Amino acid sequence: MKCILGGTFNILHIGHERLLKAALAFDEITIGLTSDSYTKKNKAYPFVPYPERERNLEIFITRILKKSKTKRKFEIVEINDKYGFAPQTDADAIIVSSETEQAADEINHIRKSNHRKPLRIISVPLAYAEDCMKISAQRIYEKKINKNGKRLKPVIFALGSANPSKKQGLEKGAKKIFKKFSIHTLKVQSRIGEQPFGQETLKGAENRARAAYSATNADFGIGFESGLFKFGDGLYDIAICAVFDGERATFGTSMGFMMPKLAIELLNQHKDLGAAMSELTGIDKIGYKKGAIHYLSNGILTRQQMNEQAFLCAMIPRISEAKNLFRYF
């Protein structure tokens, strides 16, 4: 049985090791290694010349074979595009990361159009670093992580707000996940209405996270937005957090509570919950302090806790991916 896989293999790391270990299920392995001309067009950071990448890859594979106490026949072939020899090969399977599955589907589409048997696609989950972001050669080159995913620099958060309760909530939540981090606050626009309702709240949080990320060199852009959500006959105050890493946004919610009738009546007059609660409580800019929840719960709960919960919940997809994938082998 034969399999193929391909890549730049510029800075070899644990993600590459997982791909190659998956290939050990086959007797013969052919690896497509991108040419210097193709790599130059597709990589934004410096790369090692082809002969050195080929030599390093041979050593890397030999080490994996020795460690696994197996013998496999393998060869490295130069490729000049993202498909390489895959549309014509007589191999049985193609090994890809979950990030490059689409390319494998495209290869099989070409093979079918040429009346060739489609390759079995074996997708290996991405490897994640301890900062809950994927391990990549670029991040290793930037010295943010090492080849095994250990974080080398403090995680940087760009918070799209100057609200102290949001910064405090983020800080408290981040301490539960990261060893070292810093928070940069900046004012950005949510680009939604003054008083968000329902789905609009998520959009506002995401807009803030994306704007904060774009304006800095942070690892994560963070956006918080509080909104009202209708359940049954009541309106519930819930905080939403969006975490953006330059590629995708993940979301989390806080605990929610039903707004009392008097607050809703004032909201209908002011069109903004913050203004309504400031009139009800006599506390100016209550959302920048302990929040309406602190006043309404008689001091039991705070807005900071809501923001902490929302942030931690927004990180759950990232935490769970990293946790599961570290157990892959």
Protein backbone atom coordinates (compact mmCIF):
# COMPACT_ATOMS: atom_id res chain seq x y z
CA MET A 1 0.00 0.00 0.00
CA LYS A 2 1.27 3.45 -0.96
CA CYS A 3 0.53 6.92 0.33
CA ILE A 4 1.54 10.45 -0.60
CA LEU A 5 1.78 13.77 1.22
CA GLY A 6 3.29 17.13 0.46
CA GLY A 7 4.39 20.46 1.85
CA THR A 8 7.11 23.07 2.20
CA PHE A 9 8.67 21.49 5.31
CA ASN A 10 10.62 24.68 5.92
CA ILE A 11 10.77 24.57 9.71
CA LEU A 12 9.98 21.03 10.85
CA HIS A 13 7.70 20.79 13.88
CA ILE A 14 5.32 18.50 15.75
CA GLY A 15 2.57 19.03 13.16
CA HIS A 16 4.81 17.58 10.46
CA GLU A 17 5.68 14.70 12.78
CA ARG A 18 1.99 13.84 13.10
CA LEU A 19 1.53 13.80 9.33
CA LEU A 20 4.50 11.52 8.88
CA LYS A 21 3.44 9.21 11.70
CA ALA A 22 0.06 8.81 10.01
CA ALA A 23 1.93 7.80 6.84
CA LEU A 24 3.64 4.93 8.68
CA ALA A 25 0.47 2.89 8.23
CA PHE A 26 1.59 2.41 4.60
CA ASP A 27 4.48 0.40 3.13
CA GLU A 28 5.62 3.09 0.69
CA ILE A 29 5.61 6.85 1.25
CA THR A 30 6.19 9.53 -1.37
CA ILE A 31 6.60 13.09 -0.14
CA GLY A 32 6.16 16.08 -2.42
CA LEU A 33 8.54 18.88 -1.39
CA THR A 34 7.81 22.30 -2.87
CA SER A 35 10.42 23.87 -5.12
CA ASP A 36 12.11 27.13 -4.20
CA SER A 37 10.27 29.01 -6.96
CA TYR A 38 6.85 27.83 -5.78
CA THR A 39 7.72 28.40 -2.11
CA LYS A 40 8.88 31.95 -2.82
CA LYS A 41 5.48 32.78 -4.32
CA ASN A 42 3.52 31.38 -1.37
CA LYS A 43 5.49 32.15 1.80
CA ALA A 44 5.72 35.58 3.39
CA TYR A 45 8.73 34.70 5.56
CA PRO A 46 12.26 33.49 4.65
CA PHE A 47 12.63 29.84 3.71
CA VAL A 48 15.48 27.35 3.60
CA PRO A 49 16.75 26.42 0.07
CA TYR A 50 15.42 23.16 -1.40
CA PRO A 51 18.60 21.02 -0.92
CA GLU A 52 18.72 21.88 2.77
CA ARG A 53 14.99 21.31 3.26
CA GLU A 54 15.32 17.94 1.52
CA ARG A 55 18.27 16.93 3.70
CA ASN A 56 16.54 18.05 6.91
CA LEU A 57 13.38 16.18 5.92
CA GLU A 58 15.33 12.96 5.28
CA ILE A 59 16.92 13.21 8.73
CA PHE A 60 13.53 13.98 10.29
CA ILE A 61 11.85 10.96 8.67
CA THR A 62 14.73 8.64 9.55
CA ARG A 63 14.48 9.75 13.17
CA ILE A 64 10.71 9.07 13.23
CA LEU A 65 11.22 5.61 11.71
CA LYS A 66 13.92 4.78 14.23
CA LYS A 67 11.79 5.99 17.13
CA SER A 68 8.78 3.96 15.97
CA LYS A 69 10.99 0.90 15.29
CA THR A 70 9.56 0.46 11.80
CA LYS A 71 11.01 0.24 8.32
CA ARG A 72 9.30 2.00 5.43
CA LYS A 73 10.34 2.83 1.91
CA PHE A 74 10.16 6.56 1.27
CA GLU A 75 11.19 9.02 -1.38
CA ILE A 76 11.11 12.82 -1.67
CA VAL A 77 10.02 14.36 -4.98
CA GLU A 78 10.18 18.03 -5.96
CA ILE A 79 6.80 19.63 -6.82
CA ASN A 80 6.06 22.99 -8.45
CA ASP A 81 2.38 23.52 -7.63
CA LYS A 82 -0.11 22.61 -4.92
CA TYR A 83 -1.18 19.39 -6.71
CA GLY A 84 2.24 18.09 -7.71
CA PHE A 85 2.18 14.49 -8.91
CA ALA A 86 -1.00 13.64 -6.98
CA PRO A 87 -3.41 13.69 -9.95
CA GLN A 88 -1.32 11.01 -11.76
CA THR A 89 0.07 8.87 -8.94
CA ASP A 90 -0.79 5.19 -8.51
CA ALA A 91 -0.83 5.60 -4.71
CA ASP A 92 -3.73 4.44 -2.57
CA ALA A 93 -4.07 7.36 -0.17
CA ILE A 94 -3.14 10.97 0.48
CA ILE A 95 -2.25 12.28 3.95
CA VAL A 96 -3.32 15.88 4.64
CA SER A 97 -3.91 18.14 7.59
CA SER A 98 -7.49 19.12 8.37
CA GLU A 99 -6.54 22.56 7.01
CA THR A 100 -5.68 21.23 3.53
CA GLU A 101 -8.49 18.73 3.01
CA GLN A 102 -9.97 20.91 0.28
CA ALA A 103 -6.84 20.49 -1.86
CA ALA A 104 -7.20 16.71 -1.55
CA ASP A 105 -10.83 16.95 -2.68
CA GLU A 106 -9.70 19.01 -5.68
CA ILE A 107 -7.08 16.40 -6.54
CA ASN A 108 -9.69 13.65 -6.48
CA HIS A 109 -11.95 15.73 -8.69
CA ILE A 110 -9.11 15.97 -11.25
CA ARG A 111 -8.44 12.24 -10.95
CA LYS A 112 -12.09 11.38 -11.55
CA SER A 113 -12.23 13.62 -14.61
CA ASN A 114 -9.19 11.70 -15.94
CA HIS A 115 -10.86 8.35 -15.13
CA ARG A 116 -8.47 7.59 -12.28
CA LYS A 117 -9.43 6.04 -8.97
CA PRO A 118 -9.79 8.68 -6.22
CA LEU A 119 -7.28 8.61 -3.42
CA ARG A 120 -8.35 7.72 0.08
CA ILE A 121 -8.09 10.96 2.07
CA ILE A 122 -6.61 10.66 5.56
CA SER A 123 -7.00 13.92 7.46
CA VAL A 124 -4.73 14.54 10.45
CA PRO A 125 -5.99 17.16 12.95
CA LEU A 126 -3.96 20.33 13.28
CA ALA A 127 -1.40 20.52 16.07
CA TYR A 128 -1.97 23.33 18.56
CA ALA A 129 0.48 25.15 20.80
CA GLU A 130 -0.05 25.83 24.49
CA ASP A 131 -1.44 29.26 23.59
CA CYS A 132 -4.42 27.50 21.89
CA MET A 133 -3.30 28.59 18.41
CA LYS A 134 -2.12 26.26 15.66
CA ILE A 135 1.56 25.44 15.40
CA SER A 136 3.00 26.94 12.23
CA ALA A 137 6.43 27.52 10.75
CA GLN A 138 5.74 31.25 10.61
CA ARG A 139 4.98 31.47 14.34
CA ILE A 140 8.14 29.47 15.06
CA TYR A 141 10.12 31.80 12.80
CA GLU A 142 8.67 34.80 14.69
CA LYS A 143 9.86 33.12 17.93
CA LYS A 144 6.39 33.15 19.46
CA ILE A 145 6.51 29.38 20.02
CA ASN A 146 9.04 26.57 19.71
CA LYS A 147 8.76 23.49 17.49
CA ASN A 148 6.83 21.61 20.18
CA GLY A 149 4.29 24.37 20.73
CA LYS A 150 5.70 25.91 23.91
CA ARG A 151 4.97 29.63 24.12
CA LEU A 152 8.16 31.75 24.14
CA LYS A 153 6.64 35.23 24.44
CA PRO A 154 3.74 36.59 26.50
CA VAL A 155 0.36 36.33 24.76
CA ILE A 156 -0.82 39.75 23.59
CA PHE A 157 -4.49 40.71 23.77
CA ALA A 158 -5.92 43.74 21.98
CA LEU A 159 -9.12 44.68 23.79
CA GLY A 160 -11.51 46.78 21.74
CA SER A 161 -12.71 48.89 24.66
CA ALA A 162 -11.47 51.21 27.41
CA ASN A 163 -14.16 49.96 29.82
CA PRO A 164 -12.42 48.94 33.09
CA SER A 165 -14.88 46.12 33.82
CA LYS A 166 -14.09 44.54 30.45
CA LYS A 167 -10.35 44.74 31.01
CA GLN A 168 -10.72 43.33 34.54
CA GLY A 169 -12.88 40.47 33.31
CA LEU A 170 -10.42 39.64 30.52
CA GLU A 171 -7.46 39.81 32.88
CA LYS A 172 -9.05 37.50 35.43
CA GLY A 173 -10.11 35.00 32.78
CA ALA A 174 -6.75 35.05 30.96
CA LYS A 175 -4.92 34.21 34.21
CA LYS A 176 -6.75 30.87 34.24
CA ILE A 177 -5.39 29.92 30.80
CA PHE A 178 -2.10 31.68 30.13
CA LYS A 179 1.08 31.97 32.18
CA LYS A 180 2.17 35.33 30.78
CA PHE A 181 0.15 37.89 28.85
CA SER A 182 -0.40 41.58 28.33
CA ILE A 183 -3.56 43.54 27.49
CA HIS A 184 -3.65 46.58 25.24
CA THR A 185 -6.88 48.58 25.32
CA LEU A 186 -8.05 50.79 22.50
CA LYS A 187 -11.31 52.43 21.55
CA VAL A 188 -12.94 50.95 18.46
CA GLN A 189 -16.39 51.15 16.93
CA SER A 190 -18.89 48.32 17.35
CA ARG A 191 -20.74 49.55 14.22
CA ILE A 192 -24.12 48.53 15.64
CA GLY A 193 -26.94 50.36 17.43
CA GLU A 194 -26.48 51.94 20.84
CA GLN A 195 -28.64 49.27 22.46
CA PRO A 196 -28.06 45.90 20.76
CA PHE A 197 -30.66 43.13 20.76
CA GLY A 198 -30.13 39.44 20.03
CA GLN A 199 -27.83 38.52 17.14
CA GLU A 200 -26.76 42.14 16.74
CA THR A 201 -24.87 41.75 20.02
CA LEU A 202 -22.63 39.03 18.57
CA LYS A 203 -21.94 41.18 15.52
CA GLY A 204 -20.91 44.11 17.71
CA ALA A 205 -18.54 41.92 19.74
CA GLU A 206 -16.98 40.52 16.57
CA ASN A 207 -16.60 43.96 15.01
CA ARG A 208 -14.75 45.16 18.10
CA ALA A 209 -12.49 42.08 18.16
CA ARG A 210 -11.58 42.37 14.48
CA ALA A 211 -10.95 46.12 14.68
CA ALA A 212 -8.72 45.73 17.75
CA TYR A 213 -6.76 42.91 16.10
CA SER A 214 -6.26 44.87 12.87
CA ALA A 215 -4.95 47.93 14.72
CA THR A 216 -2.24 46.04 16.63
CA ASN A 217 0.22 43.15 16.41
CA ALA A 218 -1.71 41.17 19.02
CA ASP A 219 -2.24 37.42 19.08
CA PHE A 220 -5.94 37.84 19.86
CA GLY A 221 -8.40 40.66 19.31
CA ILE A 222 -11.07 40.73 22.03
CA GLY A 223 -14.51 42.27 21.76
CA PHE A 224 -17.18 42.47 24.46
CA GLU A 225 -20.76 43.56 23.87
CA SER A 226 -23.73 43.45 26.24
CA GLY A 227 -27.16 42.99 24.75
CA LEU A 228 -30.72 42.07 25.49
CA PHE A 229 -32.09 38.69 24.44
CA LYS A 230 -35.76 37.76 24.46
CA PHE A 231 -36.75 34.47 26.07
CA GLY A 232 -40.41 33.85 26.68
CA ASP A 233 -41.95 37.06 28.02
CA GLY A 234 -38.71 38.48 29.41
CA LEU A 235 -35.64 40.38 28.24
CA TYR A 236 -32.33 39.01 29.51
CA ASP A 237 -29.10 40.96 29.86
CA ILE A 238 -26.21 38.82 28.54
CA ALA A 239 -22.58 39.72 27.78
CA ILE A 240 -21.01 38.35 24.60
CA CYS A 241 -17.27 37.98 23.99
CA ALA A 242 -15.64 37.47 20.59
CA VAL A 243 -12.04 36.24 20.29
CA PHE A 244 -10.42 36.80 16.88
CA ASP A 245 -6.98 35.44 15.89
CA GLY A 246 -6.67 36.78 12.36
CA GLU A 247 -8.44 33.80 10.81
CA ARG A 248 -11.54 32.96 12.79
CA ALA A 249 -13.71 34.26 15.61
CA THR A 250 -15.01 32.20 18.52
CA PHE A 251 -17.78 33.37 20.83
CA GLY A 252 -18.86 32.95 24.42
CA THR A 253 -21.69 34.19 26.60
CA SER A 254 -21.95 35.14 30.24
CA MET A 255 -24.64 34.29 32.73
CA GLY A 256 -27.81 36.20 31.98
CA PHE A 257 -30.56 37.68 34.09
CA MET A 258 -34.10 38.87 33.46
CA MET A 259 -34.42 42.64 33.53
CA PRO A 260 -37.01 43.94 36.02
CA LYS A 261 -40.12 45.63 34.64
CA LEU A 262 -39.13 49.08 35.86
CA ALA A 263 -35.82 48.89 34.01
CA ILE A 264 -37.63 47.86 30.81
CA GLU A 265 -40.04 50.78 31.16
CA LEU A 266 -37.09 53.18 31.49
CA LEU A 267 -35.36 51.45 28.58
CA ASN A 268 -38.38 52.24 26.40
CA GLN A 269 -37.87 55.91 27.26
CA HIS A 270 -34.08 56.09 26.90
CA LYS A 271 -33.54 53.46 24.16
CA ASP A 272 -30.33 52.49 26.00
CA LEU A 273 -30.05 50.17 29.00
CA GLY A 274 -27.04 51.99 30.43
CA ALA A 275 -28.88 55.31 30.52
CA ALA A 276 -31.99 53.61 31.92
CA MET A 277 -30.02 51.95 34.72
CA SER A 278 -28.13 55.16 35.50
CA GLU A 279 -31.49 56.91 36.03
CA LEU A 280 -32.82 54.00 38.08
CA THR A 281 -29.75 53.75 40.33
CA GLY A 282 -28.37 57.27 40.30
CA ILE A 283 -24.96 55.81 39.29
CA ASP A 284 -23.41 57.62 36.33
CA LYS A 285 -21.91 55.33 33.64
CA ILE A 286 -22.90 52.24 35.58
CA GLY A 287 -21.67 49.96 32.78
CA TYR A 288 -18.11 51.22 33.35
CA LYS A 289 -18.30 50.25 37.02
CA LYS A 290 -19.81 47.10 38.54
CA GLY A 291 -22.78 47.15 36.21
CA ALA A 292 -26.53 46.88 36.50
CA ILE A 293 -26.17 43.29 37.69
CA HIS A 294 -24.30 44.48 40.81
CA TYR A 295 -27.08 46.90 41.74
CA LEU A 296 -29.92 44.52 40.91
CA SER A 297 -28.32 41.55 42.74
CA ASN A 298 -27.67 43.69 45.82
CA GLY A 299 -23.91 43.32 45.38
CA ILE A 300 -23.80 39.55 44.86
CA LEU A 301 -22.68 39.66 41.21
CA THR A 302 -20.68 42.09 39.03
CA ARG A 303 -20.24 43.03 35.37
CA GLN A 304 -16.61 41.95 35.64
CA GLN A 305 -17.74 38.39 36.41
CA MET A 306 -20.02 38.43 33.37
CA ASN A 307 -17.13 39.51 31.13
CA GLU A 308 -14.80 36.91 32.62
CA GLN A 309 -17.36 34.17 31.98
CA ALA A 310 -17.98 35.35 28.41
CA PHE A 311 -14.24 35.37 27.63
CA LEU A 312 -13.62 31.92 29.11
CA CYS A 313 -16.57 30.49 27.20
CA ALA A 314 -15.29 32.08 23.97
CA MET A 315 -11.99 30.26 24.55
CA ILE A 316 -13.59 26.83 25.03
CA PRO A 317 -13.43 25.79 21.33
CA ARG A 318 -9.73 26.68 21.30
CA ILE A 319 -8.94 25.02 24.62
CA SER A 320 -10.76 21.82 23.68
CA GLU A 321 -9.00 21.59 20.29
CA ALA A 322 -5.58 21.97 21.88
CA LYS A 323 -6.41 19.52 24.66
CA ASN A 324 -7.68 16.82 22.31
CA LEU A 325 -4.93 17.21 19.77
CA PHE A 326 -2.12 16.97 22.26
CA ARG A 327 -3.46 13.42 22.81
CA TYR A 328 -3.45 12.57 19.11
CA PHE A 329 -0.45 10.26 19.34
